[in-house]
Amino acid sequence: MSGGQDNEQYSGPERRQSLSELSDVQIEKIANRAYELATEHIYKEIGKGVVRAAAYIIGTAMLALAAWLGFSEKITLK
């Protein structure tokens, strides 16, 4: 067992509920909530990836523009 408890067997009455005691409505609500959480997490990760890629592209474009302007002597870098 976790939490620093001894590894003694529990000998009291069974306190856990089995899934068969859940109604179909409860199971459906649990499944829907799990789906919502999973899709929310996926969309957040996709969004982070899109922002990361956009930042990379913008940064690369800015560096390329600065290099082009510097080499074409349109700007001088001190």
N, C-alpha and C. Protein backbone atom coordinates (compact mmCIF):
# COMPACT_ATOMS: atom_id res chain seq x y z
N MET A 1 0.83 -1.18 0.00
CA MET A 1 0.00 0.00 0.00
C MET A 1 0.87 1.24 0.00
N SER A 2 0.35 2.34 -0.45
CA SER A 2 1.12 3.56 -0.52
C SER A 2 0.83 4.43 0.70
N GLY A 3 1.56 5.51 0.83
CA GLY A 3 1.33 6.43 1.91
C GLY A 3 1.99 6.01 3.21
N GLY A 4 2.93 5.10 3.17
CA GLY A 4 3.65 4.69 4.36
C GLY A 4 2.87 3.73 5.25
N GLN A 5 1.82 3.14 4.74
CA GLN A 5 1.04 2.20 5.54
C GLN A 5 1.66 0.82 5.47
N ASP A 6 1.39 0.02 6.49
CA ASP A 6 1.89 -1.35 6.50
C ASP A 6 1.19 -2.17 5.44
N ASN A 7 1.81 -3.23 5.01
CA ASN A 7 1.24 -4.11 4.00
C ASN A 7 0.37 -5.19 4.64
N GLU A 8 -0.56 -4.78 5.46
CA GLU A 8 -1.47 -5.74 6.09
C GLU A 8 -2.72 -5.88 5.22
N GLN A 9 -3.27 -7.06 5.20
CA GLN A 9 -4.49 -7.31 4.46
C GLN A 9 -5.68 -6.71 5.20
N TYR A 10 -6.58 -6.07 4.47
CA TYR A 10 -7.80 -5.53 5.04
C TYR A 10 -8.79 -6.67 5.22
N SER A 11 -9.33 -6.80 6.40
CA SER A 11 -10.23 -7.93 6.65
C SER A 11 -11.67 -7.49 6.89
N GLY A 12 -11.97 -6.21 6.67
CA GLY A 12 -13.33 -5.71 6.88
C GLY A 12 -14.22 -5.99 5.68
N PRO A 13 -15.42 -5.43 5.70
CA PRO A 13 -16.37 -5.65 4.60
C PRO A 13 -15.90 -4.96 3.32
N GLU A 14 -16.33 -5.49 2.20
CA GLU A 14 -15.97 -4.93 0.90
C GLU A 14 -16.62 -3.56 0.76
N ARG A 15 -15.80 -2.54 0.48
CA ARG A 15 -16.33 -1.18 0.37
C ARG A 15 -16.34 -0.66 -1.06
N ARG A 16 -15.68 -1.36 -1.95
CA ARG A 16 -15.64 -0.91 -3.34
C ARG A 16 -16.93 -1.27 -4.04
N GLN A 17 -17.33 -0.40 -4.98
CA GLN A 17 -18.50 -0.70 -5.79
C GLN A 17 -18.03 -1.26 -7.13
N SER A 18 -18.75 -2.22 -7.61
CA SER A 18 -18.39 -2.76 -8.92
C SER A 18 -19.08 -1.93 -9.99
N LEU A 19 -18.58 -2.02 -11.22
CA LEU A 19 -19.16 -1.27 -12.31
C LEU A 19 -20.59 -1.71 -12.61
N SER A 20 -20.93 -2.92 -12.24
CA SER A 20 -22.29 -3.39 -12.52
C SER A 20 -23.32 -2.63 -11.69
N GLU A 21 -22.89 -1.94 -10.63
CA GLU A 21 -23.81 -1.17 -9.82
C GLU A 21 -24.05 0.22 -10.38
N LEU A 22 -23.31 0.61 -11.40
CA LEU A 22 -23.52 1.89 -12.04
C LEU A 22 -24.62 1.76 -13.08
N SER A 23 -25.46 2.76 -13.16
CA SER A 23 -26.53 2.72 -14.16
C SER A 23 -25.95 3.09 -15.52
N ASP A 24 -26.71 2.81 -16.56
CA ASP A 24 -26.28 3.16 -17.91
C ASP A 24 -26.10 4.67 -18.06
N VAL A 25 -26.95 5.43 -17.41
CA VAL A 25 -26.85 6.89 -17.46
C VAL A 25 -25.55 7.36 -16.81
N GLN A 26 -25.19 6.78 -15.68
CA GLN A 26 -23.95 7.14 -15.01
C GLN A 26 -22.74 6.77 -15.86
N ILE A 27 -22.78 5.60 -16.45
CA ILE A 27 -21.67 5.17 -17.32
C ILE A 27 -21.55 6.11 -18.52
N GLU A 28 -22.68 6.50 -19.08
CA GLU A 28 -22.69 7.42 -20.22
C GLU A 28 -22.11 8.77 -19.83
N LYS A 29 -22.46 9.27 -18.65
CA LYS A 29 -21.93 10.55 -18.19
C LYS A 29 -20.42 10.47 -17.98
N ILE A 30 -19.96 9.38 -17.40
CA ILE A 30 -18.52 9.18 -17.19
C ILE A 30 -17.80 9.12 -18.53
N ALA A 31 -18.35 8.39 -19.47
CA ALA A 31 -17.73 8.27 -20.79
C ALA A 31 -17.69 9.61 -21.51
N ASN A 32 -18.77 10.37 -21.42
CA ASN A 32 -18.81 11.69 -22.06
C ASN A 32 -17.80 12.64 -21.44
N ARG A 33 -17.68 12.62 -20.13
CA ARG A 33 -16.71 13.48 -19.45
C ARG A 33 -15.28 13.10 -19.84
N ALA A 34 -15.01 11.81 -19.90
CA ALA A 34 -13.68 11.35 -20.30
C ALA A 34 -13.38 11.80 -21.73
N TYR A 35 -14.36 11.70 -22.61
CA TYR A 35 -14.19 12.14 -23.99
C TYR A 35 -13.90 13.63 -24.06
N GLU A 36 -14.66 14.43 -23.29
CA GLU A 36 -14.46 15.88 -23.28
C GLU A 36 -13.05 16.23 -22.81
N LEU A 37 -12.61 15.59 -21.73
CA LEU A 37 -11.28 15.87 -21.20
C LEU A 37 -10.19 15.47 -22.20
N ALA A 38 -10.37 14.33 -22.83
CA ALA A 38 -9.37 13.85 -23.79
C ALA A 38 -9.29 14.77 -25.01
N THR A 39 -10.43 15.16 -25.57
CA THR A 39 -10.41 16.03 -26.74
C THR A 39 -9.88 17.41 -26.38
N GLU A 40 -10.22 17.90 -25.19
CA GLU A 40 -9.70 19.20 -24.76
C GLU A 40 -8.18 19.16 -24.68
N HIS A 41 -7.64 18.09 -24.13
CA HIS A 41 -6.19 17.94 -24.02
C HIS A 41 -5.55 17.86 -25.41
N ILE A 42 -6.16 17.11 -26.30
CA ILE A 42 -5.62 16.97 -27.66
C ILE A 42 -5.62 18.31 -28.37
N TYR A 43 -6.73 19.06 -28.27
CA TYR A 43 -6.79 20.36 -28.94
C TYR A 43 -5.78 21.34 -28.35
N LYS A 44 -5.55 21.28 -27.04
CA LYS A 44 -4.53 22.15 -26.44
C LYS A 44 -3.16 21.81 -26.99
N GLU A 45 -2.84 20.52 -27.09
CA GLU A 45 -1.54 20.11 -27.62
C GLU A 45 -1.38 20.50 -29.08
N ILE A 46 -2.44 20.36 -29.86
CA ILE A 46 -2.38 20.77 -31.27
C ILE A 46 -2.17 22.27 -31.35
N GLY A 47 -2.88 23.03 -30.52
CA GLY A 47 -2.73 24.49 -30.50
C GLY A 47 -1.32 24.90 -30.14
N LYS A 48 -0.73 24.23 -29.16
CA LYS A 48 0.65 24.54 -28.77
C LYS A 48 1.59 24.26 -29.93
N GLY A 49 1.36 23.18 -30.64
CA GLY A 49 2.20 22.84 -31.78
C GLY A 49 2.09 23.85 -32.90
N VAL A 50 0.87 24.34 -33.15
CA VAL A 50 0.67 25.33 -34.20
C VAL A 50 1.36 26.64 -33.83
N VAL A 51 1.21 27.06 -32.57
CA VAL A 51 1.86 28.30 -32.12
C VAL A 51 3.37 28.16 -32.19
N ARG A 52 3.89 27.01 -31.78
CA ARG A 52 5.33 26.77 -31.82
C ARG A 52 5.84 26.83 -33.27
N ALA A 53 5.11 26.21 -34.18
CA ALA A 53 5.52 26.21 -35.59
C ALA A 53 5.44 27.62 -36.17
N ALA A 54 4.39 28.35 -35.83
CA ALA A 54 4.25 29.72 -36.34
C ALA A 54 5.38 30.60 -35.82
N ALA A 55 5.72 30.46 -34.54
CA ALA A 55 6.82 31.25 -33.97
C ALA A 55 8.14 30.91 -34.65
N TYR A 56 8.36 29.64 -34.94
CA TYR A 56 9.58 29.22 -35.63
C TYR A 56 9.65 29.82 -37.03
N ILE A 57 8.53 29.76 -37.75
CA ILE A 57 8.50 30.29 -39.13
C ILE A 57 8.70 31.80 -39.12
N ILE A 58 8.02 32.50 -38.21
CA ILE A 58 8.16 33.96 -38.14
C ILE A 58 9.59 34.35 -37.76
N GLY A 59 10.16 33.65 -36.78
CA GLY A 59 11.53 33.94 -36.37
C GLY A 59 12.52 33.70 -37.48
N THR A 60 12.36 32.61 -38.20
CA THR A 60 13.25 32.30 -39.32
C THR A 60 13.11 33.34 -40.42
N ALA A 61 11.88 33.75 -40.70
CA ALA A 61 11.65 34.76 -41.73
C ALA A 61 12.28 36.09 -41.33
N MET A 62 12.17 36.46 -40.07
CA MET A 62 12.77 37.72 -39.62
C MET A 62 14.30 37.68 -39.72
N LEU A 63 14.90 36.56 -39.35
CA LEU A 63 16.35 36.42 -39.47
C LEU A 63 16.78 36.47 -40.94
N ALA A 64 16.01 35.81 -41.79
CA ALA A 64 16.34 35.82 -43.22
C ALA A 64 16.21 37.23 -43.78
N LEU A 65 15.18 37.97 -43.38
CA LEU A 65 14.99 39.34 -43.84
C LEU A 65 16.13 40.24 -43.36
N ALA A 66 16.50 40.09 -42.08
CA ALA A 66 17.60 40.89 -41.53
C ALA A 66 18.91 40.58 -42.27
N ALA A 67 19.15 39.31 -42.54
CA ALA A 67 20.37 38.93 -43.27
C ALA A 67 20.35 39.49 -44.68
N TRP A 68 19.24 39.40 -45.37
CA TRP A 68 19.12 39.90 -46.73
C TRP A 68 19.33 41.41 -46.76
N LEU A 69 18.67 42.11 -45.82
CA LEU A 69 18.84 43.56 -45.77
C LEU A 69 20.27 43.94 -45.43
N GLY A 70 20.91 43.18 -44.56
CA GLY A 70 22.30 43.45 -44.20
C GLY A 70 23.24 43.22 -45.35
N PHE A 71 23.06 42.12 -46.08
CA PHE A 71 23.94 41.81 -47.20
C PHE A 71 23.70 42.72 -48.40
N SER A 72 22.48 43.20 -48.56
CA SER A 72 22.20 44.11 -49.68
C SER A 72 22.46 45.55 -49.29
N GLU A 73 23.00 45.76 -48.09
CA GLU A 73 23.38 47.07 -47.56
C GLU A 73 22.21 48.04 -47.49
N LYS A 74 21.01 47.55 -47.33
CA LYS A 74 19.83 48.38 -47.11
C LYS A 74 19.82 48.92 -45.68
N ILE A 75 20.38 48.10 -44.77
CA ILE A 75 20.54 48.53 -43.38
C ILE A 75 21.96 48.22 -42.96
N THR A 76 22.43 48.94 -41.97
CA THR A 76 23.74 48.64 -41.44
C THR A 76 23.58 48.18 -40.00
N LEU A 77 24.24 47.11 -39.68
CA LEU A 77 24.18 46.56 -38.34
C LEU A 77 25.44 46.98 -37.61
N LYS A 78 25.28 47.65 -36.48
CA LYS A 78 26.44 48.15 -35.74
C LYS A 78 26.75 47.24 -34.59
